[in-house]
Amino acid sequence: MVRRHDDPLEVAGADPTPRSFVWRGRRYTVCAVLDAWQERRAWWREVGEDGAATATERRVWRVEARPPSGPVGVFDLGRDDDHWLLLRAHD
């Protein structure tokens, strides 16, 4: 099962891939990068007040990550321009 999110993240070590991230106040350590790709964004939802659209693509990393205590999970992390989002959490 996949849960969709659009939550902001604080990401560390994203050169070239993320090493850890903070989601909802909890730090996750990336154990493995499973895949990475570019995907199209719903730019029409994000048109600014001046009518200018934002970038149409985002970079996505699918990672296995572990909180300090708890099981490993699979997450899709997206980078839009200068900010990070948790896009999906896989069960």
N, C-alpha and C. Protein backbone atom coordinates (compact mmCIF):
# COMPACT_ATOMS: atom_id res chain seq x y z
N MET A 1 0.84 -1.17 0.00
CA MET A 1 0.00 0.00 0.00
C MET A 1 0.89 1.24 0.00
N VAL A 2 0.48 2.26 -0.73
CA VAL A 2 1.24 3.50 -0.82
C VAL A 2 0.38 4.64 -0.29
N ARG A 3 0.95 5.42 0.62
CA ARG A 3 0.26 6.60 1.12
C ARG A 3 0.91 7.83 0.50
N ARG A 4 0.09 8.69 -0.07
CA ARG A 4 0.60 9.92 -0.68
C ARG A 4 0.67 11.02 0.36
N HIS A 5 1.75 11.77 0.30
CA HIS A 5 1.96 12.90 1.18
C HIS A 5 2.45 14.07 0.33
N ASP A 6 2.51 15.20 0.91
CA ASP A 6 3.12 16.37 0.28
C ASP A 6 3.72 17.20 1.40
N ASP A 7 4.43 16.50 2.30
CA ASP A 7 4.95 17.10 3.51
C ASP A 7 6.37 17.63 3.30
N PRO A 8 6.66 18.81 3.81
CA PRO A 8 8.03 19.34 3.70
C PRO A 8 9.00 18.51 4.54
N LEU A 9 10.22 18.42 4.06
CA LEU A 9 11.28 17.67 4.74
C LEU A 9 12.50 18.54 4.93
N GLU A 10 13.26 18.20 5.94
CA GLU A 10 14.60 18.73 6.13
C GLU A 10 15.53 17.58 5.76
N VAL A 11 16.36 17.76 4.73
CA VAL A 11 17.20 16.68 4.21
C VAL A 11 18.67 17.03 4.42
N ALA A 12 19.45 16.04 4.83
CA ALA A 12 20.89 16.21 5.01
C ALA A 12 21.64 15.36 3.99
N GLY A 13 22.75 15.90 3.52
CA GLY A 13 23.64 15.14 2.65
C GLY A 13 23.06 14.82 1.30
N ALA A 14 22.46 15.78 0.65
CA ALA A 14 21.79 15.51 -0.62
C ALA A 14 22.70 15.72 -1.82
N ASP A 15 23.99 15.53 -1.65
CA ASP A 15 24.92 15.72 -2.76
C ASP A 15 25.62 14.42 -3.06
N PRO A 16 25.26 13.56 -3.93
CA PRO A 16 24.15 13.69 -4.86
C PRO A 16 22.86 13.05 -4.35
N THR A 17 22.94 12.25 -3.26
CA THR A 17 21.72 11.60 -2.77
C THR A 17 21.53 11.89 -1.28
N PRO A 18 20.29 11.84 -0.80
CA PRO A 18 20.03 12.13 0.61
C PRO A 18 20.60 11.05 1.53
N ARG A 19 21.16 11.48 2.68
CA ARG A 19 21.67 10.54 3.70
C ARG A 19 20.71 10.39 4.86
N SER A 20 19.96 11.46 5.14
CA SER A 20 18.97 11.40 6.21
C SER A 20 17.94 12.49 5.99
N PHE A 21 16.79 12.37 6.66
CA PHE A 21 15.75 13.39 6.56
C PHE A 21 14.95 13.42 7.85
N VAL A 22 14.33 14.57 8.10
CA VAL A 22 13.46 14.74 9.26
C VAL A 22 12.05 14.91 8.73
N TRP A 23 11.16 14.03 9.19
CA TRP A 23 9.75 14.06 8.78
C TRP A 23 8.91 14.01 10.05
N ARG A 24 8.07 15.02 10.21
CA ARG A 24 7.19 15.12 11.37
C ARG A 24 7.97 15.03 12.68
N GLY A 25 9.12 15.71 12.71
CA GLY A 25 9.92 15.77 13.93
C GLY A 25 10.76 14.55 14.23
N ARG A 26 10.79 13.59 13.33
CA ARG A 26 11.52 12.34 13.56
C ARG A 26 12.59 12.18 12.49
N ARG A 27 13.83 11.93 12.91
CA ARG A 27 14.94 11.76 11.95
C ARG A 27 14.99 10.32 11.44
N TYR A 28 15.12 10.19 10.12
CA TYR A 28 15.26 8.89 9.45
C TYR A 28 16.64 8.84 8.79
N THR A 29 17.33 7.73 8.95
CA THR A 29 18.61 7.53 8.30
C THR A 29 18.40 6.68 7.06
N VAL A 30 18.91 7.15 5.94
CA VAL A 30 18.76 6.42 4.67
C VAL A 30 19.72 5.23 4.69
N CYS A 31 19.16 4.03 4.55
CA CYS A 31 19.94 2.79 4.52
C CYS A 31 20.39 2.45 3.10
N ALA A 32 19.51 2.75 2.12
CA ALA A 32 19.80 2.43 0.73
C ALA A 32 18.96 3.30 -0.19
N VAL A 33 19.55 3.65 -1.32
CA VAL A 33 18.80 4.33 -2.38
C VAL A 33 18.38 3.24 -3.36
N LEU A 34 17.08 3.05 -3.51
CA LEU A 34 16.56 1.98 -4.36
C LEU A 34 16.44 2.40 -5.81
N ASP A 35 16.14 3.69 -6.05
CA ASP A 35 15.96 4.18 -7.41
C ASP A 35 15.95 5.70 -7.39
N ALA A 36 16.13 6.31 -8.54
CA ALA A 36 16.02 7.76 -8.69
C ALA A 36 15.53 8.05 -10.10
N TRP A 37 14.70 9.09 -10.24
CA TRP A 37 14.13 9.43 -11.54
C TRP A 37 13.63 10.87 -11.54
N GLN A 38 13.27 11.34 -12.71
CA GLN A 38 12.62 12.64 -12.89
C GLN A 38 11.14 12.36 -13.12
N GLU A 39 10.28 13.20 -12.55
CA GLU A 39 8.85 13.07 -12.85
C GLU A 39 8.26 14.45 -13.07
N ARG A 40 7.19 14.48 -13.85
CA ARG A 40 6.51 15.74 -14.13
C ARG A 40 5.68 16.16 -12.93
N ARG A 41 5.66 17.45 -12.69
CA ARG A 41 4.89 18.01 -11.58
C ARG A 41 3.57 18.57 -12.10
N ALA A 42 2.63 18.70 -11.21
CA ALA A 42 1.34 19.34 -11.53
C ALA A 42 1.55 20.86 -11.45
N TRP A 43 2.28 21.40 -12.39
CA TRP A 43 2.67 22.82 -12.34
C TRP A 43 1.47 23.75 -12.36
N TRP A 44 0.36 23.33 -12.96
CA TRP A 44 -0.81 24.20 -13.05
C TRP A 44 -1.44 24.48 -11.68
N ARG A 45 -1.13 23.62 -10.70
CA ARG A 45 -1.62 23.84 -9.34
C ARG A 45 -0.79 24.87 -8.59
N GLU A 46 0.38 25.19 -9.14
CA GLU A 46 1.33 26.03 -8.43
C GLU A 46 1.67 27.30 -9.17
N VAL A 47 0.80 27.78 -10.02
CA VAL A 47 1.06 29.02 -10.74
C VAL A 47 1.03 30.16 -9.74
N GLY A 48 2.07 31.00 -9.79
CA GLY A 48 2.18 32.12 -8.85
C GLY A 48 1.18 33.21 -9.13
N GLU A 49 1.13 34.18 -8.24
CA GLU A 49 0.21 35.30 -8.39
C GLU A 49 0.49 36.10 -9.65
N ASP A 50 1.75 36.12 -10.07
CA ASP A 50 2.11 36.86 -11.28
C ASP A 50 1.85 36.04 -12.55
N GLY A 51 1.29 34.83 -12.38
CA GLY A 51 0.96 33.98 -13.52
C GLY A 51 2.11 33.12 -13.99
N ALA A 52 3.27 33.24 -13.34
CA ALA A 52 4.43 32.46 -13.75
C ALA A 52 4.35 31.06 -13.15
N ALA A 53 4.60 30.08 -14.00
CA ALA A 53 4.59 28.68 -13.55
C ALA A 53 5.94 28.33 -12.96
N THR A 54 5.95 27.37 -12.05
CA THR A 54 7.20 26.87 -11.48
C THR A 54 7.77 25.80 -12.41
N ALA A 55 8.92 25.25 -12.04
CA ALA A 55 9.55 24.21 -12.86
C ALA A 55 8.58 23.05 -13.05
N THR A 56 8.66 22.39 -14.20
CA THR A 56 7.70 21.34 -14.53
C THR A 56 8.18 19.94 -14.13
N GLU A 57 9.42 19.79 -13.69
CA GLU A 57 9.92 18.47 -13.31
C GLU A 57 10.55 18.51 -11.94
N ARG A 58 10.55 17.36 -11.28
CA ARG A 58 11.21 17.23 -9.98
C ARG A 58 12.03 15.95 -9.99
N ARG A 59 13.07 15.96 -9.22
CA ARG A 59 13.92 14.78 -9.04
C ARG A 59 13.35 14.00 -7.86
N VAL A 60 13.28 12.67 -7.99
CA VAL A 60 12.71 11.82 -6.94
C VAL A 60 13.70 10.70 -6.61
N TRP A 61 13.85 10.43 -5.32
CA TRP A 61 14.65 9.32 -4.84
C TRP A 61 13.75 8.39 -4.06
N ARG A 62 13.79 7.10 -4.37
CA ARG A 62 13.11 6.09 -3.56
C ARG A 62 14.17 5.50 -2.64
N VAL A 63 13.93 5.61 -1.34
CA VAL A 63 14.94 5.19 -0.37
C VAL A 63 14.35 4.25 0.67
N GLU A 64 15.21 3.41 1.21
CA GLU A 64 14.89 2.66 2.43
C GLU A 64 15.48 3.48 3.56
N ALA A 65 14.67 3.75 4.58
CA ALA A 65 15.15 4.57 5.69
C ALA A 65 14.61 4.03 7.00
N ARG A 66 15.37 4.31 8.06
CA ARG A 66 15.02 3.79 9.39
C ARG A 66 15.04 4.94 10.39
N PRO A 67 13.98 5.00 11.24
CA PRO A 67 14.01 5.94 12.36
C PRO A 67 14.94 5.38 13.46
N PRO A 68 15.24 6.16 14.50
CA PRO A 68 16.11 5.65 15.57
C PRO A 68 15.60 4.34 16.18
N SER A 69 14.29 4.20 16.30
CA SER A 69 13.72 2.94 16.76
C SER A 69 12.51 2.65 15.89
N GLY A 70 12.47 1.45 15.36
CA GLY A 70 11.37 1.08 14.48
C GLY A 70 11.88 0.40 13.23
N PRO A 71 10.95 -0.10 12.43
CA PRO A 71 11.32 -0.85 11.23
C PRO A 71 11.75 0.07 10.08
N VAL A 72 12.45 -0.52 9.13
CA VAL A 72 12.84 0.17 7.90
C VAL A 72 11.59 0.40 7.07
N GLY A 73 11.50 1.57 6.44
CA GLY A 73 10.39 1.88 5.54
C GLY A 73 10.93 2.32 4.19
N VAL A 74 10.05 2.37 3.22
CA VAL A 74 10.41 2.83 1.88
C VAL A 74 9.67 4.13 1.63
N PHE A 75 10.41 5.15 1.19
CA PHE A 75 9.88 6.50 1.01
C PHE A 75 10.32 7.08 -0.32
N ASP A 76 9.46 7.88 -0.94
CA ASP A 76 9.81 8.64 -2.13
C ASP A 76 10.01 10.09 -1.72
N LEU A 77 11.24 10.58 -1.89
CA LEU A 77 11.60 11.95 -1.54
C LEU A 77 11.73 12.76 -2.82
N GLY A 78 11.09 13.90 -2.89
CA GLY A 78 11.15 14.74 -4.09
C GLY A 78 11.82 16.06 -3.80
N ARG A 79 12.57 16.56 -4.77
CA ARG A 79 13.22 17.86 -4.63
C ARG A 79 12.68 18.80 -5.69
N ASP A 80 12.05 19.89 -5.23
CA ASP A 80 11.54 20.93 -6.10
C ASP A 80 12.39 22.17 -5.91
N ASP A 81 13.08 22.57 -6.93
CA ASP A 81 13.92 23.77 -6.86
C ASP A 81 14.80 23.72 -5.62
N ASP A 82 14.42 24.41 -4.56
CA ASP A 82 15.26 24.49 -3.37
C ASP A 82 14.63 23.88 -2.13
N HIS A 83 13.56 23.10 -2.28
CA HIS A 83 12.97 22.46 -1.10
C HIS A 83 12.64 20.99 -1.37
N TRP A 84 12.53 20.24 -0.28
CA TRP A 84 12.30 18.80 -0.32
C TRP A 84 10.91 18.47 0.20
N LEU A 85 10.33 17.39 -0.36
CA LEU A 85 9.01 16.91 0.07
C LEU A 85 9.03 15.41 0.22
N LEU A 86 8.25 14.91 1.19
CA LEU A 86 7.96 13.48 1.23
C LEU A 86 6.75 13.29 0.33
N LEU A 87 6.92 12.56 -0.76
CA LEU A 87 5.85 12.37 -1.73
C LEU A 87 5.00 11.15 -1.41
N ARG A 88 5.68 10.03 -1.06
CA ARG A 88 4.96 8.78 -0.82
C ARG A 88 5.68 7.96 0.25
N ALA A 89 4.89 7.25 1.04
CA ALA A 89 5.41 6.29 2.01
C ALA A 89 4.81 4.93 1.65
N HIS A 90 5.65 3.94 1.49
CA HIS A 90 5.22 2.59 1.08
C HIS A 90 5.13 1.69 2.31
N ASP A 91 4.08 0.89 2.36
CA ASP A 91 3.94 -0.09 3.45
C ASP A 91 4.50 -1.43 3.03
